[in-house]
Amino acid sequence: MDSPSPRTPSPPSPLTKGGPPLLSSGPLSTILGPQGKHYVCGSVAAFTNIMVTFPIQKVLFRQQLHGVLAVEAVRQLQRDGLRNLYRGILPPLLQKTTTVAIMFGLYQDFSRVLLERAEGSGVPELVTRSFAAALAGTTEAILAPFERVQTLLQDHRHHGRFNNTAHTFRTLLSEYGVRECYRGLVPILLRNGPSNVLFFGLRGPIKEALPEAGTRAGHLVNDFVCGGVLGAGLGIMFYPLNVIKSRAQSRVGGAFQPCGQVLLTVWRERGGSLAMLFRGAHLNYHRSLLSWGIINATYELLLKLV
């Protein structure tokens, strides 16, 4: 993973600050190897984030699906009860810990392989790394069934039909087949590739623009701000795709509708209002700010510790 931190063990690039790490490599680094630790650090960072932000995500999901205000979404969760607050956490926990591991780990691996192949070809490093980021984001979409199951478990209309993660998977596979698990794949693909390119491409320059940190706490704050600003901005940029994904994945059975048709349906239901289409975007902004701040800061901290 190409890191903007001056203490990262990754090789310096035009998007990073070079320099040796301030902490010596730990035993885990020896066990995992120079590449494997990126997968583990990404996975642990995602686990930390999900445990903290899952209730916020449930409120956001209700707004995306039903177009209700945040207060009404919170009331719905209150009516569902405390025992249902973390209902549906297993799919995002499995999905996010894996996809973030893939995001950071494969980006590092793809970058290394592509840079080696592109050496002497005259292809700019930025282009090569952008392609690596897009490949990593596209690969993440393999785990789209976890987002699918998470959507069904969070939708109160399906509470009586689906009991838990395993039961939902069994039902979808036995009654509809594997294809049904990948409903909503297109908006995920349209979101993952470009967002990864922007995340990895802008992460270094944003941290470069922040005041230089001289302490571990200072680097932690800078990494949080850098990840949070990027996550919040990209969350707003790709919000309509998440609305389309949530609507498409909340349906079970029937024909697969094109993204444009789903968007048109939502647009009409919400009175042709752009503000209604982006309802919940403000909460998504704050959730993404917190989520990606946690992920980026935890990832960078773990890289230094292992």
C-alpha atoms as a PDB file:
ATOM      1  CA  MET A   1       0.000   0.000   0.000  1.00  0.00           C
ATOM      2  CA  ASP A   2       1.380   3.340  -1.020  1.00  0.00           C
ATOM      3  CA  SER A   3       1.180   5.500   2.071  1.00  0.00           C
ATOM      4  CA  PRO A   4       1.435   9.246   2.453  1.00  0.00           C
ATOM      5  CA  SER A   5       2.953   8.948   5.919  1.00  0.00           C
ATOM      6  CA  PRO A   6       6.648   9.746   6.320  1.00  0.00           C
ATOM      7  CA  ARG A   7       6.932   6.683   8.532  1.00  0.00           C
ATOM      8  CA  THR A   8       5.457   4.156   6.140  1.00  0.00           C
ATOM      9  CA  PRO A   9       7.570   1.128   5.219  1.00  0.00           C
ATOM     10  CA  SER A  10       6.259   1.275   1.644  1.00  0.00           C
ATOM     11  CA  PRO A  11       8.625   2.454  -1.096  1.00  0.00           C
ATOM     12  CA  PRO A  12       8.334   6.200  -1.700  1.00  0.00           C
ATOM     13  CA  SER A  13       6.460   7.386  -4.759  1.00  0.00           C
ATOM     14  CA  PRO A  14       5.319  10.710  -6.210  1.00  0.00           C
ATOM     15  CA  LEU A  15       2.256  10.460  -3.969  1.00  0.00           C
ATOM     16  CA  THR A  16       4.115   9.759  -0.738  1.00  0.00           C
ATOM     17  CA  LYS A  17       6.610  11.148   1.677  1.00  0.00           C
ATOM     18  CA  GLY A  18       9.697   8.967   1.852  1.00  0.00           C
ATOM     19  CA  GLY A  19      11.780   8.061   4.877  1.00  0.00           C
ATOM     20  CA  PRO A  20      12.335   5.162   7.248  1.00  0.00           C
ATOM     21  CA  PRO A  21       9.723   4.071   9.799  1.00  0.00           C
ATOM     22  CA  LEU A  22      10.043   5.482  13.300  1.00  0.00           C
ATOM     23  CA  LEU A  23       9.219   2.072  14.778  1.00  0.00           C
ATOM     24  CA  SER A  24      11.104  -1.132  14.114  1.00  0.00           C
ATOM     25  CA  SER A  25       9.282  -4.012  12.437  1.00  0.00           C
ATOM     26  CA  GLY A  26       7.451  -6.277  14.850  1.00  0.00           C
ATOM     27  CA  PRO A  27       7.239 -10.075  14.851  1.00  0.00           C
ATOM     28  CA  LEU A  28       3.965 -10.024  12.923  1.00  0.00           C
ATOM     29  CA  SER A  29       5.687  -8.238  10.060  1.00  0.00           C
ATOM     30  CA  THR A  30       8.189 -11.088   9.851  1.00  0.00           C
ATOM     31  CA  ILE A  31       5.419 -13.706   9.842  1.00  0.00           C
ATOM     32  CA  LEU A  32       3.144 -11.945   7.369  1.00  0.00           C
ATOM     33  CA  GLY A  33       5.846 -10.656   5.057  1.00  0.00           C
ATOM     34  CA  PRO A  34       6.110  -7.178   3.509  1.00  0.00           C
ATOM     35  CA  GLN A  35       2.880  -7.625   1.501  1.00  0.00           C
ATOM     36  CA  GLY A  36       0.702  -9.739   3.803  1.00  0.00           C
ATOM     37  CA  LYS A  37       0.614  -7.172   6.573  1.00  0.00           C
ATOM     38  CA  HIS A  38      -1.318  -4.764   4.329  1.00  0.00           C
ATOM     39  CA  TYR A  39      -4.197  -7.266   4.162  1.00  0.00           C
ATOM     40  CA  VAL A  40      -4.221  -7.848   7.937  1.00  0.00           C
ATOM     41  CA  CYS A  41      -3.957  -4.167   8.843  1.00  0.00           C
ATOM     42  CA  GLY A  42      -6.757  -3.301   6.419  1.00  0.00           C
ATOM     43  CA  SER A  43      -8.982  -6.033   7.837  1.00  0.00           C
ATOM     44  CA  VAL A  44      -8.478  -5.004  11.475  1.00  0.00           C
ATOM     45  CA  ALA A  45      -9.050  -1.345  10.576  1.00  0.00           C
ATOM     46  CA  ALA A  46     -12.369  -2.251   8.931  1.00  0.00           C
ATOM     47  CA  PHE A  47     -13.442  -4.361  11.934  1.00  0.00           C
ATOM     48  CA  THR A  48     -12.849  -1.401  14.262  1.00  0.00           C
ATOM     49  CA  ASN A  49     -14.835   0.882  11.997  1.00  0.00           C
ATOM     50  CA  ILE A  50     -17.867  -1.431  11.641  1.00  0.00           C
ATOM     51  CA  MET A  51     -18.245  -1.944  15.378  1.00  0.00           C
ATOM     52  CA  VAL A  52     -18.288   1.827  15.943  1.00  0.00           C
ATOM     53  CA  THR A  53     -20.428   3.015  13.024  1.00  0.00           C
ATOM     54  CA  PHE A  54     -22.954   0.211  12.355  1.00  0.00           C
ATOM     55  CA  PRO A  55     -25.915   1.894  14.152  1.00  0.00           C
ATOM     56  CA  ILE A  56     -25.308   5.055  12.098  1.00  0.00           C
ATOM     57  CA  GLN A  57     -25.261   2.956   8.934  1.00  0.00           C
ATOM     58  CA  LYS A  58     -28.680   1.505   9.813  1.00  0.00           C
ATOM     59  CA  VAL A  59     -30.182   4.976  10.124  1.00  0.00           C
ATOM     60  CA  LEU A  60     -28.618   5.950   6.798  1.00  0.00           C
ATOM     61  CA  PHE A  61     -29.917   2.799   5.109  1.00  0.00           C
ATOM     62  CA  ARG A  62     -33.504   3.561   6.173  1.00  0.00           C
ATOM     63  CA  GLN A  63     -33.167   7.046   4.698  1.00  0.00           C
ATOM     64  CA  GLN A  64     -31.764   5.720   1.421  1.00  0.00           C
ATOM     65  CA  LEU A  65     -34.474   3.093   1.104  1.00  0.00           C
ATOM     66  CA  HIS A  66     -37.552   5.020   2.241  1.00  0.00           C
ATOM     67  CA  GLY A  67     -36.537   8.663   1.817  1.00  0.00           C
ATOM     68  CA  VAL A  68     -37.480   9.481   5.427  1.00  0.00           C
ATOM     69  CA  LEU A  69     -35.920  12.038   7.747  1.00  0.00           C
ATOM     70  CA  ALA A  70     -33.168  10.959  10.159  1.00  0.00           C
ATOM     71  CA  VAL A  71     -35.534  11.402  13.122  1.00  0.00           C
ATOM     72  CA  GLU A  72     -38.060   9.000  11.600  1.00  0.00           C
ATOM     73  CA  ALA A  73     -35.315   6.503  10.761  1.00  0.00           C
ATOM     74  CA  VAL A  74     -34.161   6.602  14.405  1.00  0.00           C
ATOM     75  CA  ARG A  75     -37.766   6.090  15.557  1.00  0.00           C
ATOM     76  CA  GLN A  76     -38.024   3.011  13.317  1.00  0.00           C
ATOM     77  CA  LEU A  77     -34.903   1.571  14.949  1.00  0.00           C
ATOM     78  CA  GLN A  78     -36.321   2.335  18.390  1.00  0.00           C
ATOM     79  CA  ARG A  79     -39.511   0.471  17.482  1.00  0.00           C
ATOM     80  CA  ASP A  80     -37.418  -2.462  16.263  1.00  0.00           C
ATOM     81  CA  GLY A  81     -35.832  -2.667  19.722  1.00  0.00           C
ATOM     82  CA  LEU A  82     -32.292  -2.853  21.069  1.00  0.00           C
ATOM     83  CA  ARG A  83     -31.941  -6.556  20.234  1.00  0.00           C
ATOM     84  CA  ASN A  84     -32.357  -5.692  16.548  1.00  0.00           C
ATOM     85  CA  LEU A  85     -29.923  -2.747  16.595  1.00  0.00           C
ATOM     86  CA  TYR A  86     -27.001  -4.901  15.499  1.00  0.00           C
ATOM     87  CA  ARG A  87     -29.175  -7.215  13.408  1.00  0.00           C
ATOM     88  CA  GLY A  88     -27.422  -7.653  10.077  1.00  0.00           C
ATOM     89  CA  ILE A  89     -23.945  -6.753  11.367  1.00  0.00           C
ATOM     90  CA  LEU A  90     -22.353 -10.064  10.346  1.00  0.00           C
ATOM     91  CA  PRO A  91     -22.569  -9.485   6.554  1.00  0.00           C
ATOM     92  CA  PRO A  92     -20.927  -6.023   6.665  1.00  0.00           C
ATOM     93  CA  LEU A  93     -18.414  -7.311   9.210  1.00  0.00           C
ATOM     94  CA  LEU A  94     -17.430 -10.169   6.918  1.00  0.00           C
ATOM     95  CA  GLN A  95     -17.743  -8.069   3.783  1.00  0.00           C
ATOM     96  CA  LYS A  96     -15.968  -4.941   5.005  1.00  0.00           C
ATOM     97  CA  THR A  97     -13.092  -6.689   6.782  1.00  0.00           C
ATOM     98  CA  THR A  98     -12.475  -8.642   3.587  1.00  0.00           C
ATOM     99  CA  THR A  99     -13.009  -5.850   1.058  1.00  0.00           C
ATOM    100  CA  VAL A 100     -10.858  -3.334   2.917  1.00  0.00           C
ATOM    101  CA  ALA A 101      -8.152  -5.999   3.219  1.00  0.00           C
ATOM    102  CA  ILE A 102      -8.472  -6.519  -0.547  1.00  0.00           C
ATOM    103  CA  MET A 103      -8.560  -2.776  -1.179  1.00  0.00           C
ATOM    104  CA  PHE A 104      -5.275  -2.061   0.598  1.00  0.00           C
ATOM    105  CA  GLY A 105      -3.559  -5.395  -0.014  1.00  0.00           C
ATOM    106  CA  LEU A 106      -4.375  -5.839  -3.686  1.00  0.00           C
ATOM    107  CA  TYR A 107      -3.638  -2.204  -4.403  1.00  0.00           C
ATOM    108  CA  GLN A 108      -0.162  -2.796  -3.009  1.00  0.00           C
ATOM    109  CA  ASP A 109       0.272  -6.058  -4.937  1.00  0.00           C
ATOM    110  CA  PHE A 110      -1.138  -4.763  -8.225  1.00  0.00           C
ATOM    111  CA  SER A 111       0.985  -1.614  -7.940  1.00  0.00           C
ATOM    112  CA  ARG A 112       4.147  -3.635  -7.404  1.00  0.00           C
ATOM    113  CA  VAL A 113       3.480  -5.993 -10.331  1.00  0.00           C
ATOM    114  CA  LEU A 114       2.321  -3.279 -12.736  1.00  0.00           C
ATOM    115  CA  LEU A 115       5.193  -0.940 -11.864  1.00  0.00           C
ATOM    116  CA  GLU A 116       7.670  -3.739 -12.516  1.00  0.00           C
ATOM    117  CA  ARG A 117       6.077  -4.450 -15.901  1.00  0.00           C
ATOM    118  CA  ALA A 118       5.816  -0.769 -16.801  1.00  0.00           C
ATOM    119  CA  GLU A 119       9.440  -0.019 -15.899  1.00  0.00           C
ATOM    120  CA  GLY A 120      11.150   1.684 -18.811  1.00  0.00           C
ATOM    121  CA  SER A 121       7.925   1.895 -20.825  1.00  0.00           C
ATOM    122  CA  GLY A 122       7.402   5.592 -20.223  1.00  0.00           C
ATOM    123  CA  VAL A 123       3.971   5.093 -18.643  1.00  0.00           C
ATOM    124  CA  PRO A 124       3.553   7.614 -15.782  1.00  0.00           C
ATOM    125  CA  GLU A 125       3.546   6.027 -12.324  1.00  0.00           C
ATOM    126  CA  LEU A 126       0.316   7.842 -11.484  1.00  0.00           C
ATOM    127  CA  VAL A 127      -1.440   6.096 -14.380  1.00  0.00           C
ATOM    128  CA  THR A 128      -0.082   2.700 -13.325  1.00  0.00           C
ATOM    129  CA  ARG A 129      -1.144   3.168  -9.708  1.00  0.00           C
ATOM    130  CA  SER A 130      -4.573   4.425 -10.772  1.00  0.00           C
ATOM    131  CA  PHE A 131      -5.054   1.269 -12.829  1.00  0.00           C
ATOM    132  CA  ALA A 132      -3.960  -0.817  -9.830  1.00  0.00           C
ATOM    133  CA  ALA A 133      -6.512   0.971  -7.635  1.00  0.00           C
ATOM    134  CA  ALA A 134      -9.293   0.371 -10.190  1.00  0.00           C
ATOM    135  CA  LEU A 135      -8.402  -3.334 -10.396  1.00  0.00           C
ATOM    136  CA  ALA A 136      -8.466  -3.653  -6.617  1.00  0.00           C
ATOM    137  CA  GLY A 137     -11.872  -1.938  -6.441  1.00  0.00           C
ATOM    138  CA  THR A 138     -13.310  -4.152  -9.166  1.00  0.00           C
ATOM    139  CA  THR A 139     -12.060  -7.280  -7.374  1.00  0.00           C
ATOM    140  CA  GLU A 140     -13.858  -6.160  -4.203  1.00  0.00           C
ATOM    141  CA  ALA A 141     -17.175  -6.533  -6.062  1.00  0.00           C
ATOM    142  CA  ILE A 142     -16.810 -10.317  -5.830  1.00  0.00           C
ATOM    143  CA  LEU A 143     -18.103  -9.917  -2.275  1.00  0.00           C
ATOM    144  CA  ALA A 144     -21.278  -8.085  -3.367  1.00  0.00           C
ATOM    145  CA  PRO A 145     -23.491 -10.893  -1.911  1.00  0.00           C
ATOM    146  CA  PHE A 146     -22.580  -9.677   1.581  1.00  0.00           C
ATOM    147  CA  GLU A 147     -23.947  -6.216   0.768  1.00  0.00           C
ATOM    148  CA  ARG A 148     -27.019  -7.936  -0.669  1.00  0.00           C
ATOM    149  CA  VAL A 149     -27.688  -9.897   2.528  1.00  0.00           C
ATOM    150  CA  GLN A 150     -26.972  -6.861   4.698  1.00  0.00           C
ATOM    151  CA  THR A 151     -29.618  -4.887   2.787  1.00  0.00           C
ATOM    152  CA  LEU A 152     -32.253  -7.585   3.275  1.00  0.00           C
ATOM    153  CA  LEU A 153     -31.524  -7.968   6.997  1.00  0.00           C
ATOM    154  CA  GLN A 154     -31.646  -4.204   7.584  1.00  0.00           C
ATOM    155  CA  ASP A 155     -34.929  -3.761   5.717  1.00  0.00           C
ATOM    156  CA  HIS A 156     -37.713  -4.135   8.302  1.00  0.00           C
ATOM    157  CA  ARG A 157     -40.066  -5.399   5.583  1.00  0.00           C
ATOM    158  CA  HIS A 158     -38.028  -8.614   5.464  1.00  0.00           C
ATOM    159  CA  HIS A 159     -37.662  -9.181   9.223  1.00  0.00           C
ATOM    160  CA  GLY A 160     -40.289 -11.921   9.179  1.00  0.00           C
ATOM    161  CA  ARG A 161     -38.764 -13.747   6.220  1.00  0.00           C
ATOM    162  CA  PHE A 162     -35.021 -13.755   6.886  1.00  0.00           C
ATOM    163  CA  ASN A 163     -33.712 -14.763  10.313  1.00  0.00           C
ATOM    164  CA  ASN A 164     -29.967 -14.241  10.043  1.00  0.00           C
ATOM    165  CA  THR A 165     -27.053 -14.179   7.616  1.00  0.00           C
ATOM    166  CA  ALA A 166     -26.834 -17.938   7.060  1.00  0.00           C
ATOM    167  CA  HIS A 167     -30.607 -18.291   6.660  1.00  0.00           C
ATOM    168  CA  THR A 168     -30.716 -15.420   4.149  1.00  0.00           C
ATOM    169  CA  PHE A 169     -27.941 -16.929   2.040  1.00  0.00           C
ATOM    170  CA  ARG A 170     -29.607 -20.362   2.112  1.00  0.00           C
ATOM    171  CA  THR A 171     -32.951 -18.901   1.075  1.00  0.00           C
ATOM    172  CA  LEU A 172     -31.531 -16.859  -1.797  1.00  0.00           C
ATOM    173  CA  LEU A 173     -29.424 -19.728  -3.109  1.00  0.00           C
ATOM    174  CA  SER A 174     -32.074 -22.448  -2.785  1.00  0.00           C
ATOM    175  CA  GLU A 175     -35.018 -20.420  -4.095  1.00  0.00           C
ATOM    176  CA  TYR A 176     -33.375 -18.093  -6.623  1.00  0.00           C
ATOM    177  CA  GLY A 177     -29.809 -19.222  -7.302  1.00  0.00           C
ATOM    178  CA  VAL A 178     -26.406 -17.518  -7.207  1.00  0.00           C
ATOM    179  CA  ARG A 179     -27.456 -14.767  -9.627  1.00  0.00           C
ATOM    180  CA  GLU A 180     -29.918 -13.360  -7.087  1.00  0.00           C
ATOM    181  CA  CYS A 181     -27.043 -12.852  -4.625  1.00  0.00           C
ATOM    182  CA  TYR A 182     -25.454 -10.452  -7.118  1.00  0.00           C
ATOM    183  CA  ARG A 183     -28.483  -8.214  -7.581  1.00  0.00           C
ATOM    184  CA  GLY A 184     -27.219  -4.627  -7.495  1.00  0.00           C
ATOM    185  CA  LEU A 185     -23.759  -5.563  -8.803  1.00  0.00           C
ATOM    186  CA  VAL A 186     -23.596  -2.863 -11.503  1.00  0.00           C
ATOM    187  CA  PRO A 187     -23.833   0.167  -9.169  1.00  0.00           C
ATOM    188  CA  ILE A 188     -21.253  -1.497  -6.912  1.00  0.00           C
ATOM    189  CA  LEU A 189     -18.839  -1.820  -9.847  1.00  0.00           C
ATOM    190  CA  LEU A 190     -19.509   1.765 -10.940  1.00  0.00           C
ATOM    191  CA  ARG A 191     -18.776   2.909  -7.388  1.00  0.00           C
ATOM    192  CA  ASN A 192     -15.781   0.785  -6.378  1.00  0.00           C
ATOM    193  CA  GLY A 193     -13.351   1.331  -9.248  1.00  0.00           C
ATOM    194  CA  PRO A 194     -13.529   5.139  -9.560  1.00  0.00           C
ATOM    195  CA  SER A 195     -13.711   5.689  -5.788  1.00  0.00           C
ATOM    196  CA  ASN A 196     -10.572   3.597  -5.267  1.00  0.00           C
ATOM    197  CA  VAL A 197      -8.708   5.554  -7.939  1.00  0.00           C
ATOM    198  CA  LEU A 198      -9.617   8.848  -6.270  1.00  0.00           C
ATOM    199  CA  PHE A 199      -8.929   7.566  -2.740  1.00  0.00           C
ATOM    200  CA  PHE A 200      -5.421   6.315  -3.439  1.00  0.00           C
ATOM    201  CA  GLY A 201      -4.629   9.119  -5.863  1.00  0.00           C
ATOM    202  CA  LEU A 202      -5.584  11.930  -3.477  1.00  0.00           C
ATOM    203  CA  ARG A 203      -4.557  10.410  -0.145  1.00  0.00           C
ATOM    204  CA  GLY A 204      -0.914  11.434  -0.500  1.00  0.00           C
ATOM    205  CA  PRO A 205      -1.477  15.009  -1.724  1.00  0.00           C
ATOM    206  CA  ILE A 206      -4.051  15.698   1.011  1.00  0.00           C
ATOM    207  CA  LYS A 207      -1.688  14.548   3.751  1.00  0.00           C
ATOM    208  CA  GLU A 208       1.118  16.568   2.175  1.00  0.00           C
ATOM    209  CA  ALA A 209      -1.093  19.658   2.510  1.00  0.00           C
ATOM    210  CA  LEU A 210      -1.661  19.085   6.237  1.00  0.00           C
ATOM    211  CA  PRO A 211       0.714  20.506   8.868  1.00  0.00           C
ATOM    212  CA  GLU A 212       3.673  18.170   9.245  1.00  0.00           C
ATOM    213  CA  ALA A 213       3.399  15.998  12.342  1.00  0.00           C
ATOM    214  CA  GLY A 214       6.364  15.248  14.583  1.00  0.00           C
ATOM    215  CA  THR A 215       4.735  12.827  17.001  1.00  0.00           C
ATOM    216  CA  ARG A 216       2.843   9.551  16.725  1.00  0.00           C
ATOM    217  CA  ALA A 217      -0.343  11.285  17.907  1.00  0.00           C
ATOM    218  CA  GLY A 218       0.142  13.978  15.284  1.00  0.00           C
ATOM    219  CA  HIS A 219       0.464  11.393  12.510  1.00  0.00           C
ATOM    220  CA  LEU A 220      -2.639   9.638  13.821  1.00  0.00           C
ATOM    221  CA  VAL A 221      -4.639  12.871  13.650  1.00  0.00           C
ATOM    222  CA  ASN A 222      -3.364  13.648  10.149  1.00  0.00           C
ATOM    223  CA  ASP A 223      -4.216  10.146   8.928  1.00  0.00           C
ATOM    224  CA  PHE A 224      -7.705  10.443  10.439  1.00  0.00           C
ATOM    225  CA  VAL A 225      -8.298  13.835   8.796  1.00  0.00           C
ATOM    226  CA  CYS A 226      -6.923  12.646   5.461  1.00  0.00           C
ATOM    227  CA  GLY A 227      -9.058   9.482   5.375  1.00  0.00           C
ATOM    228  CA  GLY A 228     -12.113  11.244   6.748  1.00  0.00           C
ATOM    229  CA  VAL A 229     -12.050  14.111   4.242  1.00  0.00           C
ATOM    230  CA  LEU A 230     -11.616  11.691   1.344  1.00  0.00           C
ATOM    231  CA  GLY A 231     -14.284   9.299   2.594  1.00  0.00           C
ATOM    232  CA  ALA A 232     -16.807  12.087   3.172  1.00  0.00           C
ATOM    233  CA  GLY A 233     -16.183  13.659  -0.239  1.00  0.00           C
ATOM    234  CA  LEU A 234     -16.378  10.367  -2.113  1.00  0.00           C
ATOM    235  CA  GLY A 235     -19.456   9.367  -0.101  1.00  0.00           C
ATOM    236  CA  ILE A 236     -21.311  12.435  -1.368  1.00  0.00           C
ATOM    237  CA  MET A 237     -20.014  11.999  -4.919  1.00  0.00           C
ATOM    238  CA  PHE A 238     -21.195   8.387  -5.215  1.00  0.00           C
ATOM    239  CA  TYR A 239     -24.299   8.697  -3.010  1.00  0.00           C
ATOM    240  CA  PRO A 240     -26.832   8.264  -5.855  1.00  0.00           C
ATOM    241  CA  LEU A 241     -25.181   4.943  -6.762  1.00  0.00           C
ATOM    242  CA  ASN A 242     -25.663   3.764  -3.185  1.00  0.00           C
ATOM    243  CA  VAL A 243     -29.322   4.793  -3.347  1.00  0.00           C
ATOM    244  CA  ILE A 244     -29.720   2.744  -6.538  1.00  0.00           C
ATOM    245  CA  LYS A 245     -27.907  -0.206  -4.941  1.00  0.00           C
ATOM    246  CA  SER A 246     -30.063  -0.139  -1.811  1.00  0.00           C
ATOM    247  CA  ARG A 247     -33.281   0.016  -3.824  1.00  0.00           C
ATOM    248  CA  ALA A 248     -32.229  -2.763  -6.210  1.00  0.00           C
ATOM    249  CA  GLN A 249     -30.993  -5.047  -3.424  1.00  0.00           C
ATOM    250  CA  SER A 250     -34.088  -4.590  -1.260  1.00  0.00           C
ATOM    251  CA  ARG A 251     -36.070  -6.517  -3.865  1.00  0.00           C
ATOM    252  CA  VAL A 252     -36.212 -10.329  -3.853  1.00  0.00           C
ATOM    253  CA  GLY A 253     -37.013 -12.174  -7.061  1.00  0.00           C
ATOM    254  CA  GLY A 254     -38.307 -10.779 -10.313  1.00  0.00           C
ATOM    255  CA  ALA A 255     -36.498  -9.192 -13.222  1.00  0.00           C
ATOM    256  CA  PHE A 256     -33.197  -7.380 -12.786  1.00  0.00           C
ATOM    257  CA  GLN A 257     -33.760  -3.707 -13.532  1.00  0.00           C
ATOM    258  CA  PRO A 258     -31.077  -1.527 -15.182  1.00  0.00           C
ATOM    259  CA  CYS A 259     -29.519   1.188 -13.032  1.00  0.00           C
ATOM    260  CA  GLY A 260     -31.174   3.902 -15.096  1.00  0.00           C
ATOM    261  CA  GLN A 261     -34.616   2.413 -14.570  1.00  0.00           C
ATOM    262  CA  VAL A 262     -34.096   2.083 -10.808  1.00  0.00           C
ATOM    263  CA  LEU A 263     -32.874   5.680 -10.630  1.00  0.00           C
ATOM    264  CA  LEU A 264     -35.876   6.879 -12.637  1.00  0.00           C
ATOM    265  CA  THR A 265     -38.253   5.011 -10.305  1.00  0.00           C
ATOM    266  CA  VAL A 266     -36.670   6.565  -7.210  1.00  0.00           C
ATOM    267  CA  TRP A 267     -36.626   9.990  -8.885  1.00  0.00           C
ATOM    268  CA  ARG A 268     -40.357   9.804  -9.629  1.00  0.00           C
ATOM    269  CA  GLU A 269     -41.258   8.466  -6.178  1.00  0.00           C
ATOM    270  CA  ARG A 270     -39.421  11.370  -4.588  1.00  0.00           C
ATOM    271  CA  GLY A 271     -41.147  13.992  -6.690  1.00  0.00           C
ATOM    272  CA  GLY A 272     -38.268  14.683  -9.064  1.00  0.00           C
ATOM    273  CA  SER A 273     -36.430  16.437  -6.262  1.00  0.00           C
ATOM    274  CA  LEU A 274     -32.618  16.352  -6.118  1.00  0.00           C
ATOM    275  CA  ALA A 275     -32.797  17.128  -2.407  1.00  0.00           C
ATOM    276  CA  MET A 276     -35.023  14.076  -1.879  1.00  0.00           C
ATOM    277  CA  LEU A 277     -32.684  11.914  -3.963  1.00  0.00           C
ATOM    278  CA  PHE A 278     -29.835  12.962  -1.682  1.00  0.00           C
ATOM    279  CA  ARG A 279     -31.891  12.547   1.490  1.00  0.00           C
ATOM    280  CA  GLY A 280     -29.597  10.994   4.057  1.00  0.00           C
ATOM    281  CA  ALA A 281     -26.485  12.348   2.323  1.00  0.00           C
ATOM    282  CA  HIS A 282     -25.673  14.617   5.268  1.00  0.00           C
ATOM    283  CA  LEU A 283     -25.654  11.623   7.622  1.00  0.00           C
ATOM    284  CA  ASN A 284     -23.657   9.645   5.064  1.00  0.00           C
ATOM    285  CA  TYR A 285     -21.153  12.514   5.000  1.00  0.00           C
ATOM    286  CA  HIS A 286     -20.629  12.391   8.753  1.00  0.00           C
ATOM    287  CA  ARG A 287     -20.607   8.579   8.840  1.00  0.00           C
ATOM    288  CA  SER A 288     -18.041   8.435   6.025  1.00  0.00           C
ATOM    289  CA  LEU A 289     -15.969  11.122   7.718  1.00  0.00           C
ATOM    290  CA  LEU A 290     -15.861   9.005  10.869  1.00  0.00           C
ATOM    291  CA  SER A 291     -15.588   5.618   9.119  1.00  0.00           C
ATOM    292  CA  TRP A 292     -12.775   6.422   6.727  1.00  0.00           C
ATOM    293  CA  GLY A 293     -11.000   8.487   9.347  1.00  0.00           C
ATOM    294  CA  ILE A 294     -11.011   5.419  11.613  1.00  0.00           C
ATOM    295  CA  ILE A 295     -10.008   3.051   8.795  1.00  0.00           C
ATOM    296  CA  ASN A 296      -7.153   5.198   7.483  1.00  0.00           C
ATOM    297  CA  ALA A 297      -5.778   6.111  10.905  1.00  0.00           C
ATOM    298  CA  THR A 298      -6.035   2.535  12.239  1.00  0.00           C
ATOM    299  CA  TYR A 299      -4.480   1.096   9.077  1.00  0.00           C
ATOM    300  CA  GLU A 300      -1.507   3.458   9.169  1.00  0.00           C
ATOM    301  CA  LEU A 301      -1.028   2.944  12.917  1.00  0.00           C
ATOM    302  CA  LEU A 302      -1.084  -0.848  12.568  1.00  0.00           C
ATOM    303  CA  LEU A 303       1.426  -0.705   9.696  1.00  0.00           C
ATOM    304  CA  LYS A 304       3.863   1.017  12.029  1.00  0.00           C
ATOM    305  CA  LEU A 305       3.204  -1.381  14.906  1.00  0.00           C
ATOM    306  CA  VAL A 306       3.604  -4.638  12.983  1.00  0.00           C
END
